[in-house]
Amino acid sequence: MISTNHGKTSMLTLLLTGIAISSFLSACTSLLISFS
């Protein structure tokens, strides 16, 4: 959804978006671990 614009997906945007979301989810995972 983030990397697609007017039906076209940029591979660079896809990659950068994936890295950003991966980092965010890793932080969320670490947060749950710290509360466990």
Full PDB file with SEQRES, HELIX, SHEET, SSBOND, CRYST1, ORIGX, SCALE, CONECT and MASTER records, all heavy atoms in Angstrom:
SEQRES   1 A   36  MET ILE SER THR ASN HIS GLY LYS THR SER MET LEU THR          
SEQRES   2 A   36  LEU LEU LEU THR GLY ILE ALA ILE SER SER PHE LEU SER          
SEQRES   3 A   36  ALA CYS THR SER LEU LEU ILE SER PHE SER                      
HELIX    1 AA1 MET A   11  PHE A   35  1                                  25    
SHEET    1 AA1 2 THR A   4  ASN A   5  0                                        
SHEET    2 AA1 2 LYS A   8  THR A   9 -1                                        
CRYST1    1.000    1.000    1.000  90.00  90.00  90.00 P 1           1          
ORIGX1      1.000000  0.000000  0.000000        0.00000                         
ORIGX2      0.000000  1.000000  0.000000        0.00000                         
ORIGX3      0.000000  0.000000  1.000000        0.00000                         
SCALE1      1.000000  0.000000  0.000000        0.00000                         
SCALE2      0.000000  1.000000  0.000000        0.00000                         
SCALE3      0.000000  0.000000  1.000000        0.00000                         
ATOM      1  N   MET A   1       0.827  -1.202   0.000  1.00  0.00           N  
ATOM      2  CA  MET A   1       0.000   0.000   0.000  1.00  0.00           C  
ATOM      3  C   MET A   1       0.867   1.261   0.000  1.00  0.00           C  
ATOM      4  O   MET A   1       0.578   2.233  -0.693  1.00  0.00           O  
ATOM      5  CB  MET A   1      -0.927   0.003   1.222  1.00  0.00           C  
ATOM      6  CG  MET A   1      -2.076  -0.974   1.131  1.00  0.00           C  
ATOM      7  SD  MET A   1      -3.272  -0.544  -0.159  1.00  0.00           S  
ATOM      8  CE  MET A   1      -3.963   0.965   0.553  1.00  0.00           C  
ATOM      9  N   ILE A   2       1.938   1.241   0.784  1.00  0.00           N  
ATOM     10  CA  ILE A   2       2.799   2.421   0.889  1.00  0.00           C  
ATOM     11  C   ILE A   2       3.645   2.613  -0.366  1.00  0.00           C  
ATOM     12  O   ILE A   2       3.848   3.744  -0.835  1.00  0.00           O  
ATOM     13  CB  ILE A   2       3.703   2.311   2.137  1.00  0.00           C  
ATOM     14  CG1 ILE A   2       2.854   2.347   3.405  1.00  0.00           C  
ATOM     15  CG2 ILE A   2       4.739   3.436   2.172  1.00  0.00           C  
ATOM     16  CD1 ILE A   2       3.629   2.094   4.682  1.00  0.00           C  
ATOM     17  N   SER A   3       4.129   1.514  -0.948  1.00  0.00           N  
ATOM     18  CA  SER A   3       5.082   1.615  -2.055  1.00  0.00           C  
ATOM     19  C   SER A   3       4.435   1.647  -3.437  1.00  0.00           C  
ATOM     20  O   SER A   3       5.127   1.785  -4.444  1.00  0.00           O  
ATOM     21  CB  SER A   3       6.080   0.459  -1.991  1.00  0.00           C  
ATOM     22  OG  SER A   3       5.421  -0.778  -1.999  1.00  0.00           O  
ATOM     23  N   THR A   4       3.110   1.515  -3.505  1.00  0.00           N  
ATOM     24  CA  THR A   4       2.416   1.523  -4.788  1.00  0.00           C  
ATOM     25  C   THR A   4       1.727   2.864  -5.011  1.00  0.00           C  
ATOM     26  O   THR A   4       1.028   3.374  -4.139  1.00  0.00           O  
ATOM     27  CB  THR A   4       1.374   0.384  -4.860  1.00  0.00           C  
ATOM     28  OG1 THR A   4       2.043  -0.864  -4.686  1.00  0.00           O  
ATOM     29  CG2 THR A   4       0.661   0.385  -6.204  1.00  0.00           C  
ATOM     30  N   ASN A   5       1.945   3.397  -6.180  1.00  0.00           N  
ATOM     31  CA  ASN A   5       1.354   4.696  -6.540  1.00  0.00           C  
ATOM     32  C   ASN A   5       0.769   4.604  -7.943  1.00  0.00           C  
ATOM     33  O   ASN A   5       1.489   4.299  -8.906  1.00  0.00           O  
ATOM     34  CB  ASN A   5       2.428   5.794  -6.483  1.00  0.00           C  
ATOM     35  CG  ASN A   5       1.840   7.176  -6.717  1.00  0.00           C  
ATOM     36  OD1 ASN A   5       0.669   7.422  -6.402  1.00  0.00           O  
ATOM     37  ND2 ASN A   5       2.631   8.074  -7.279  1.00  0.00           N  
ATOM     38  N   HIS A   6      -0.565   4.845  -8.054  1.00  0.00           N  
ATOM     39  CA  HIS A   6      -1.265   4.777  -9.345  1.00  0.00           C  
ATOM     40  C   HIS A   6      -1.035   3.428 -10.037  1.00  0.00           C  
ATOM     41  O   HIS A   6      -0.792   3.363 -11.248  1.00  0.00           O  
ATOM     42  CB  HIS A   6      -0.827   5.920 -10.258  1.00  0.00           C  
ATOM     43  CG  HIS A   6      -1.104   7.285  -9.695  1.00  0.00           C  
ATOM     44  ND1 HIS A   6      -2.385   7.749  -9.445  1.00  0.00           N  
ATOM     45  CD2 HIS A   6      -0.256   8.279  -9.323  1.00  0.00           C  
ATOM     46  CE1 HIS A   6      -2.318   8.976  -8.949  1.00  0.00           C  
ATOM     47  NE2 HIS A   6      -1.040   9.325  -8.864  1.00  0.00           N  
ATOM     48  N   GLY A   7      -1.078   2.373  -9.243  1.00  0.00           N  
ATOM     49  CA  GLY A   7      -0.968   1.031  -9.809  1.00  0.00           C  
ATOM     50  C   GLY A   7       0.435   0.566 -10.107  1.00  0.00           C  
ATOM     51  O   GLY A   7       0.633  -0.552 -10.599  1.00  0.00           O  
ATOM     52  N   LYS A   8       1.449   1.387  -9.824  1.00  0.00           N  
ATOM     53  CA  LYS A   8       2.829   1.016 -10.097  1.00  0.00           C  
ATOM     54  C   LYS A   8       3.623   0.953  -8.798  1.00  0.00           C  
ATOM     55  O   LYS A   8       3.499   1.839  -7.957  1.00  0.00           O  
ATOM     56  CB  LYS A   8       3.479   2.005 -11.060  1.00  0.00           C  
ATOM     57  CG  LYS A   8       2.883   1.955 -12.470  1.00  0.00           C  
ATOM     58  CD  LYS A   8       3.660   2.850 -13.419  1.00  0.00           C  
ATOM     59  CE  LYS A   8       3.101   2.731 -14.836  1.00  0.00           C  
ATOM     60  NZ  LYS A   8       3.858   3.570 -15.798  1.00  0.00           N  
ATOM     61  N   THR A   9       4.424  -0.109  -8.676  1.00  0.00           N  
ATOM     62  CA  THR A   9       5.217  -0.309  -7.469  1.00  0.00           C  
ATOM     63  C   THR A   9       6.692  -0.115  -7.780  1.00  0.00           C  
ATOM     64  O   THR A   9       7.255  -0.793  -8.649  1.00  0.00           O  
ATOM     65  CB  THR A   9       5.011  -1.733  -6.909  1.00  0.00           C  
ATOM     66  OG1 THR A   9       3.619  -1.959  -6.693  1.00  0.00           O  
ATOM     67  CG2 THR A   9       5.751  -1.910  -5.588  1.00  0.00           C  
ATOM     68  N   SER A  10       7.297   0.829  -7.090  1.00  0.00           N  
ATOM     69  CA  SER A  10       8.730   1.067  -7.232  1.00  0.00           C  
ATOM     70  C   SER A  10       9.498   0.062  -6.383  1.00  0.00           C  
ATOM     71  O   SER A  10       9.237  -0.077  -5.186  1.00  0.00           O  
ATOM     72  CB  SER A  10       9.082   2.495  -6.795  1.00  0.00           C  
ATOM     73  OG  SER A  10      10.470   2.639  -6.586  1.00  0.00           O  
ATOM     74  N   MET A  11      10.460  -0.646  -6.995  1.00  0.00           N  
ATOM     75  CA  MET A  11      11.241  -1.641  -6.258  1.00  0.00           C  
ATOM     76  C   MET A  11      12.070  -0.981  -5.164  1.00  0.00           C  
ATOM     77  O   MET A  11      12.236  -1.529  -4.075  1.00  0.00           O  
ATOM     78  CB  MET A  11      12.154  -2.410  -7.221  1.00  0.00           C  
ATOM     79  CG  MET A  11      11.389  -3.296  -8.188  1.00  0.00           C  
ATOM     80  SD  MET A  11      10.455  -4.611  -7.364  1.00  0.00           S  
ATOM     81  CE  MET A  11      11.727  -5.839  -7.164  1.00  0.00           C  
ATOM     82  N   LEU A  12      12.597   0.210  -5.429  1.00  0.00           N  
ATOM     83  CA  LEU A  12      13.387   0.921  -4.424  1.00  0.00           C  
ATOM     84  C   LEU A  12      12.507   1.316  -3.241  1.00  0.00           C  
ATOM     85  O   LEU A  12      12.875   1.122  -2.076  1.00  0.00           O  
ATOM     86  CB  LEU A  12      14.045   2.157  -5.033  1.00  0.00           C  
ATOM     87  CG  LEU A  12      14.859   3.031  -4.067  1.00  0.00           C  
ATOM     88  CD1 LEU A  12      15.986   2.222  -3.439  1.00  0.00           C  
ATOM     89  CD2 LEU A  12      15.400   4.265  -4.785  1.00  0.00           C  
ATOM     90  N   THR A  13      11.324   1.854  -3.535  1.00  0.00           N  
ATOM     91  CA  THR A  13      10.395   2.235  -2.467  1.00  0.00           C  
ATOM     92  C   THR A  13       9.942   1.009  -1.688  1.00  0.00           C  
ATOM     93  O   THR A  13       9.825   1.045  -0.459  1.00  0.00           O  
ATOM     94  CB  THR A  13       9.170   2.959  -3.055  1.00  0.00           C  
ATOM     95  OG1 THR A  13       9.597   4.048  -3.859  1.00  0.00           O  
ATOM     96  CG2 THR A  13       8.272   3.489  -1.957  1.00  0.00           C  
ATOM     97  N   LEU A  14       9.717  -0.080  -2.406  1.00  0.00           N  
ATOM     98  CA  LEU A  14       9.312  -1.327  -1.761  1.00  0.00           C  
ATOM     99  C   LEU A  14      10.395  -1.791  -0.782  1.00  0.00           C  
ATOM    100  O   LEU A  14      10.098  -2.168   0.359  1.00  0.00           O  
ATOM    101  CB  LEU A  14       9.071  -2.396  -2.822  1.00  0.00           C  
ATOM    102  CG  LEU A  14       8.491  -3.732  -2.347  1.00  0.00           C  
ATOM    103  CD1 LEU A  14       7.006  -3.595  -2.085  1.00  0.00           C  
ATOM    104  CD2 LEU A  14       8.734  -4.813  -3.393  1.00  0.00           C  
ATOM    105  N   LEU A  15      11.631  -1.739  -1.221  1.00  0.00           N  
ATOM    106  CA  LEU A  15      12.742  -2.173  -0.382  1.00  0.00           C  
ATOM    107  C   LEU A  15      12.892  -1.285   0.852  1.00  0.00           C  
ATOM    108  O   LEU A  15      13.015  -1.767   1.979  1.00  0.00           O  
ATOM    109  CB  LEU A  15      14.037  -2.162  -1.193  1.00  0.00           C  
ATOM    110  CG  LEU A  15      15.329  -2.518  -0.463  1.00  0.00           C  
ATOM    111  CD1 LEU A  15      15.244  -3.928   0.100  1.00  0.00           C  
ATOM    112  CD2 LEU A  15      16.520  -2.386  -1.396  1.00  0.00           C  
ATOM    113  N   LEU A  16      12.855   0.040   0.638  1.00  0.00           N  
ATOM    114  CA  LEU A  16      13.021   0.972   1.755  1.00  0.00           C  
ATOM    115  C   LEU A  16      11.855   0.862   2.740  1.00  0.00           C  
ATOM    116  O   LEU A  16      12.055   0.928   3.960  1.00  0.00           O  
ATOM    117  CB  LEU A  16      13.135   2.400   1.225  1.00  0.00           C  
ATOM    118  CG  LEU A  16      14.390   2.698   0.394  1.00  0.00           C  
ATOM    119  CD1 LEU A  16      14.319   4.106  -0.178  1.00  0.00           C  
ATOM    120  CD2 LEU A  16      15.646   2.517   1.229  1.00  0.00           C  
ATOM    121  N   THR A  17      10.644   0.695   2.211  1.00  0.00           N  
ATOM    122  CA  THR A  17       9.475   0.529   3.076  1.00  0.00           C  
ATOM    123  C   THR A  17       9.592  -0.748   3.894  1.00  0.00           C  
ATOM    124  O   THR A  17       9.290  -0.772   5.098  1.00  0.00           O  
ATOM    125  CB  THR A  17       8.187   0.493   2.240  1.00  0.00           C  
ATOM    126  OG1 THR A  17       8.100   1.669   1.437  1.00  0.00           O  
ATOM    127  CG2 THR A  17       6.958   0.415   3.139  1.00  0.00           C  
ATOM    128  N   GLY A  18      10.043  -1.822   3.245  1.00  0.00           N  
ATOM    129  CA  GLY A  18      10.223  -3.083   3.948  1.00  0.00           C  
ATOM    130  C   GLY A  18      11.235  -2.973   5.074  1.00  0.00           C  
ATOM    131  O   GLY A  18      11.027  -3.493   6.167  1.00  0.00           O  
ATOM    132  N   ILE A  19      12.334  -2.272   4.826  1.00  0.00           N  
ATOM    133  CA  ILE A  19      13.354  -2.085   5.858  1.00  0.00           C  
ATOM    134  C   ILE A  19      12.797  -1.291   7.038  1.00  0.00           C  
ATOM    135  O   ILE A  19      13.011  -1.636   8.208  1.00  0.00           O  
ATOM    136  CB  ILE A  19      14.588  -1.374   5.268  1.00  0.00           C  
ATOM    137  CG1 ILE A  19      15.300  -2.298   4.273  1.00  0.00           C  
ATOM    138  CG2 ILE A  19      15.552  -0.939   6.371  1.00  0.00           C  
ATOM    139  CD1 ILE A  19      16.398  -1.628   3.495  1.00  0.00           C  
ATOM    140  N   ALA A  20      12.046  -0.221   6.730  1.00  0.00           N  
ATOM    141  CA  ALA A  20      11.488   0.619   7.788  1.00  0.00           C  
ATOM    142  C   ALA A  20      10.478  -0.157   8.635  1.00  0.00           C  
ATOM    143  O   ALA A  20      10.516  -0.119   9.879  1.00  0.00           O  
ATOM    144  CB  ALA A  20      10.830   1.853   7.179  1.00  0.00           C  
ATOM    145  N   ILE A  21       9.565  -0.875   7.986  1.00  0.00           N  
ATOM    146  CA  ILE A  21       8.550  -1.627   8.715  1.00  0.00           C  
ATOM    147  C   ILE A  21       9.182  -2.776   9.484  1.00  0.00           C  
ATOM    148  O   ILE A  21       8.774  -3.088  10.617  1.00  0.00           O  
ATOM    149  CB  ILE A  21       7.461  -2.130   7.747  1.00  0.00           C  
ATOM    150  CG1 ILE A  21       6.638  -0.934   7.241  1.00  0.00           C  
ATOM    151  CG2 ILE A  21       6.549  -3.154   8.413  1.00  0.00           C  
ATOM    152  CD1 ILE A  21       5.535  -1.289   6.292  1.00  0.00           C  
ATOM    153  N   SER A  22      10.197  -3.405   8.898  1.00  0.00           N  
ATOM    154  CA  SER A  22      10.903  -4.478   9.598  1.00  0.00           C  
ATOM    155  C   SER A  22      11.549  -3.970  10.881  1.00  0.00           C  
ATOM    156  O   SER A  22      11.466  -4.616  11.929  1.00  0.00           O  
ATOM    157  CB  SER A  22      11.966  -5.075   8.675  1.00  0.00           C  
ATOM    158  OG  SER A  22      12.660  -6.116   9.323  1.00  0.00           O  
ATOM    159  N   SER A  23      12.156  -2.788  10.810  1.00  0.00           N  
ATOM    160  CA  SER A  23      12.774  -2.194  12.005  1.00  0.00           C  
ATOM    161  C   SER A  23      11.719  -1.871  13.057  1.00  0.00           C  
ATOM    162  O   SER A  23      11.925  -2.092  14.254  1.00  0.00           O  
ATOM    163  CB  SER A  23      13.536  -0.924  11.623  1.00  0.00           C  
ATOM    164  OG  SER A  23      14.580  -1.215  10.719  1.00  0.00           O  
ATOM    165  N   PHE A  24      10.574  -1.345  12.604  1.00  0.00           N  
ATOM    166  CA  PHE A  24       9.497  -1.016  13.531  1.00  0.00           C  
ATOM    167  C   PHE A  24       8.954  -2.260  14.220  1.00  0.00           C  
ATOM    168  O   PHE A  24       8.757  -2.286  15.451  1.00  0.00           O  
ATOM    169  CB  PHE A  24       8.369  -0.300  12.780  1.00  0.00           C  
ATOM    170  CG  PHE A  24       7.139  -0.061  13.607  1.00  0.00           C  
ATOM    171  CD1 PHE A  24       7.118   0.938  14.568  1.00  0.00           C  
ATOM    172  CD2 PHE A  24       6.000  -0.835  13.424  1.00  0.00           C  
ATOM    173  CE1 PHE A  24       5.981   1.159  15.340  1.00  0.00           C  
ATOM    174  CE2 PHE A  24       4.862  -0.629  14.184  1.00  0.00           C  
ATOM    175  CZ  PHE A  24       4.858   0.378  15.155  1.00  0.00           C  
ATOM    176  N   LEU A  25       8.735  -3.328  13.444  1.00  0.00           N  
ATOM    177  CA  LEU A  25       8.209  -4.565  14.022  1.00  0.00           C  
ATOM    178  C   LEU A  25       9.222  -5.223  14.958  1.00  0.00           C  
ATOM    179  O   LEU A  25       8.846  -5.813  15.973  1.00  0.00           O  
ATOM    180  CB  LEU A  25       7.813  -5.534  12.907  1.00  0.00           C  
ATOM    181  CG  LEU A  25       6.589  -5.124  12.085  1.00  0.00           C  
ATOM    182  CD1 LEU A  25       6.402  -6.053  10.898  1.00  0.00           C  
ATOM    183  CD2 LEU A  25       5.333  -5.116  12.951  1.00  0.00           C  
ATOM    184  N   SER A  26      10.503  -5.110  14.621  1.00  0.00           N  
ATOM    185  CA  SER A  26      11.540  -5.640  15.517  1.00  0.00           C  
ATOM    186  C   SER A  26      11.525  -4.895  16.848  1.00  0.00           C  
ATOM    187  O   SER A  26      11.707  -5.495  17.917  1.00  0.00           O  
ATOM    188  CB  SER A  26      12.916  -5.517  14.859  1.00  0.00           C  
ATOM    189  OG  SER A  26      12.993  -6.328  13.701  1.00  0.00           O  
ATOM    190  N   ALA A  27      11.288  -3.571  16.789  1.00  0.00           N  
ATOM    191  CA  ALA A  27      11.192  -2.778  18.018  1.00  0.00           C  
ATOM    192  C   ALA A  27       9.964  -3.198  18.840  1.00  0.00           C  
ATOM    193  O   ALA A  27      10.029  -3.295  20.068  1.00  0.00           O  
ATOM    194  CB  ALA A  27      11.125  -1.298  17.677  1.00  0.00           C  
ATOM    195  N   CYS A  28       8.848  -3.457  18.143  1.00  0.00           N  
ATOM    196  CA  CYS A  28       7.640  -3.918  18.834  1.00  0.00           C  
ATOM    197  C   CYS A  28       7.881  -5.277  19.502  1.00  0.00           C  
ATOM    198  O   CYS A  28       7.422  -5.513  20.630  1.00  0.00           O  
ATOM    199  CB  CYS A  28       6.479  -4.025  17.851  1.00  0.00           C  
ATOM    200  SG  CYS A  28       5.898  -2.444  17.200  1.00  0.00           S  
ATOM    201  N   THR A  29       8.592  -6.144  18.803  1.00  0.00           N  
ATOM    202  CA  THR A  29       8.928  -7.448  19.376  1.00  0.00           C  
ATOM    203  C   THR A  29       9.781  -7.289  20.625  1.00  0.00           C  
ATOM    204  O   THR A  29       9.540  -7.934  21.663  1.00  0.00           O  
ATOM    205  CB  THR A  29       9.667  -8.305  18.329  1.00  0.00           C  
ATOM    206  OG1 THR A  29       8.816  -8.516  17.200  1.00  0.00           O  
ATOM    207  CG2 THR A  29      10.067  -9.647  18.917  1.00  0.00           C  
ATOM    208  N   SER A  30      10.783  -6.420  20.551  1.00  0.00           N  
ATOM    209  CA  SER A  30      11.656  -6.170  21.710  1.00  0.00           C  
ATOM    210  C   SER A  30      10.863  -5.587  22.875  1.00  0.00           C  
ATOM    211  O   SER A  30      11.135  -5.912  24.043  1.00  0.00           O  
ATOM    212  CB  SER A  30      12.783  -5.210  21.318  1.00  0.00           C  
ATOM    213  OG  SER A  30      13.587  -5.767  20.294  1.00  0.00           O  
ATOM    214  N   LEU A  31       9.872  -4.749  22.559  1.00  0.00           N  
ATOM    215  CA  LEU A  31       9.044  -4.159  23.605  1.00  0.00           C  
ATOM    216  C   LEU A  31       8.246  -5.229  24.344  1.00  0.00           C  
ATOM    217  O   LEU A  31       8.174  -5.228  25.584  1.00  0.00           O  
ATOM    218  CB  LEU A  31       8.095  -3.123  22.996  1.00  0.00           C  
ATOM    219  CG  LEU A  31       7.243  -2.304  23.981  1.00  0.00           C  
ATOM    220  CD1 LEU A  31       8.154  -1.419  24.846  1.00  0.00           C  
ATOM    221  CD2 LEU A  31       6.230  -1.448  23.219  1.00  0.00           C  
ATOM    222  N   LEU A  32       7.664  -6.163  23.604  1.00  0.00           N  
ATOM    223  CA  LEU A  32       6.914  -7.255  24.244  1.00  0.00           C  
ATOM    224  C   LEU A  32       7.836  -8.128  25.090  1.00  0.00           C  
ATOM    225  O   LEU A  32       7.447  -8.575  26.180  1.00  0.00           O  
ATOM    226  CB  LEU A  32       6.222  -8.108  23.185  1.00  0.00           C  
ATOM    227  CG  LEU A  32       5.021  -7.485  22.464  1.00  0.00           C  
ATOM    228  CD1 LEU A  32       4.398  -8.498  21.521  1.00  0.00           C  
ATOM    229  CD2 LEU A  32       3.982  -6.979  23.458  1.00  0.00           C  
ATOM    230  N   ILE A  33       9.046  -8.355  24.612  1.00  0.00           N  
ATOM    231  CA  ILE A  33      10.004  -9.144  25.389  1.00  0.00           C  
ATOM    232  C   ILE A  33      10.331  -8.449  26.707  1.00  0.00           C  
ATOM    233  O   ILE A  33      10.394  -9.074  27.768  1.00  0.00           O  
ATOM    234  CB  ILE A  33      11.291  -9.388  24.571  1.00  0.00           C  
ATOM    235  CG1 ILE A  33      11.000 -10.303  23.388  1.00  0.00           C  
ATOM    236  CG2 ILE A  33      12.386 -10.005  25.447  1.00  0.00           C  
ATOM    237  CD1 ILE A  33      12.170 -10.493  22.458  1.00  0.00           C  
ATOM    238  N   SER A  34      10.510  -7.124  26.657  1.00  0.00           N  
ATOM    239  CA  SER A  34      10.871  -6.371  27.865  1.00  0.00           C  
ATOM    240  C   SER A  34       9.746  -6.360  28.883  1.00  0.00           C  
ATOM    241  O   SER A  34       9.983  -6.228  30.088  1.00  0.00           O  
ATOM    242  CB  SER A  34      11.253  -4.938  27.497  1.00  0.00           C  
ATOM    243  OG  SER A  34      10.138  -4.229  26.989  1.00  0.00           O  
ATOM    244  N   PHE A  35       8.487  -6.528  28.430  1.00  0.00           N  
ATOM    245  CA  PHE A  35       7.342  -6.555  29.336  1.00  0.00           C  
ATOM    246  C   PHE A  35       7.042  -7.958  29.860  1.00  0.00           C  
ATOM    247  O   PHE A  35       6.156  -8.129  30.700  1.00  0.00           O  
ATOM    248  CB  PHE A  35       6.089  -6.019  28.634  1.00  0.00           C  
ATOM    249  CG  PHE A  35       6.105  -4.528  28.418  1.00  0.00           C  
ATOM    250  CD1 PHE A  35       5.334  -3.961  27.406  1.00  0.00           C  
ATOM    251  CD2 PHE A  35       6.872  -3.698  29.216  1.00  0.00           C  
ATOM    252  CE1 PHE A  35       5.332  -2.591  27.203  1.00  0.00           C  
ATOM    253  CE2 PHE A  35       6.882  -2.331  29.006  1.00  0.00           C  
ATOM    254  CZ  PHE A  35       6.124  -1.775  28.009  1.00  0.00           C  
ATOM    255  N   SER A  36       7.756  -8.965  29.355  1.00  0.00           N  
ATOM    256  CA  SER A  36       7.449 -10.361  29.693  1.00  0.00           C  
ATOM    257  C   SER A  36       8.122 -10.787  30.991  1.00  0.00           C  
ATOM    258  O   SER A  36       9.172 -10.262  31.363  1.00  0.00           O  
ATOM    259  CB  SER A  36       7.911 -11.289  28.562  1.00  0.00           C  
ATOM    260  OG  SER A  36       7.327 -10.925  27.333  1.00  0.00           O  
TER     261      SER A  36                                                      
MASTER        0    0    0    1    2    0    0    6  260    1    0    3          
END                                                                             
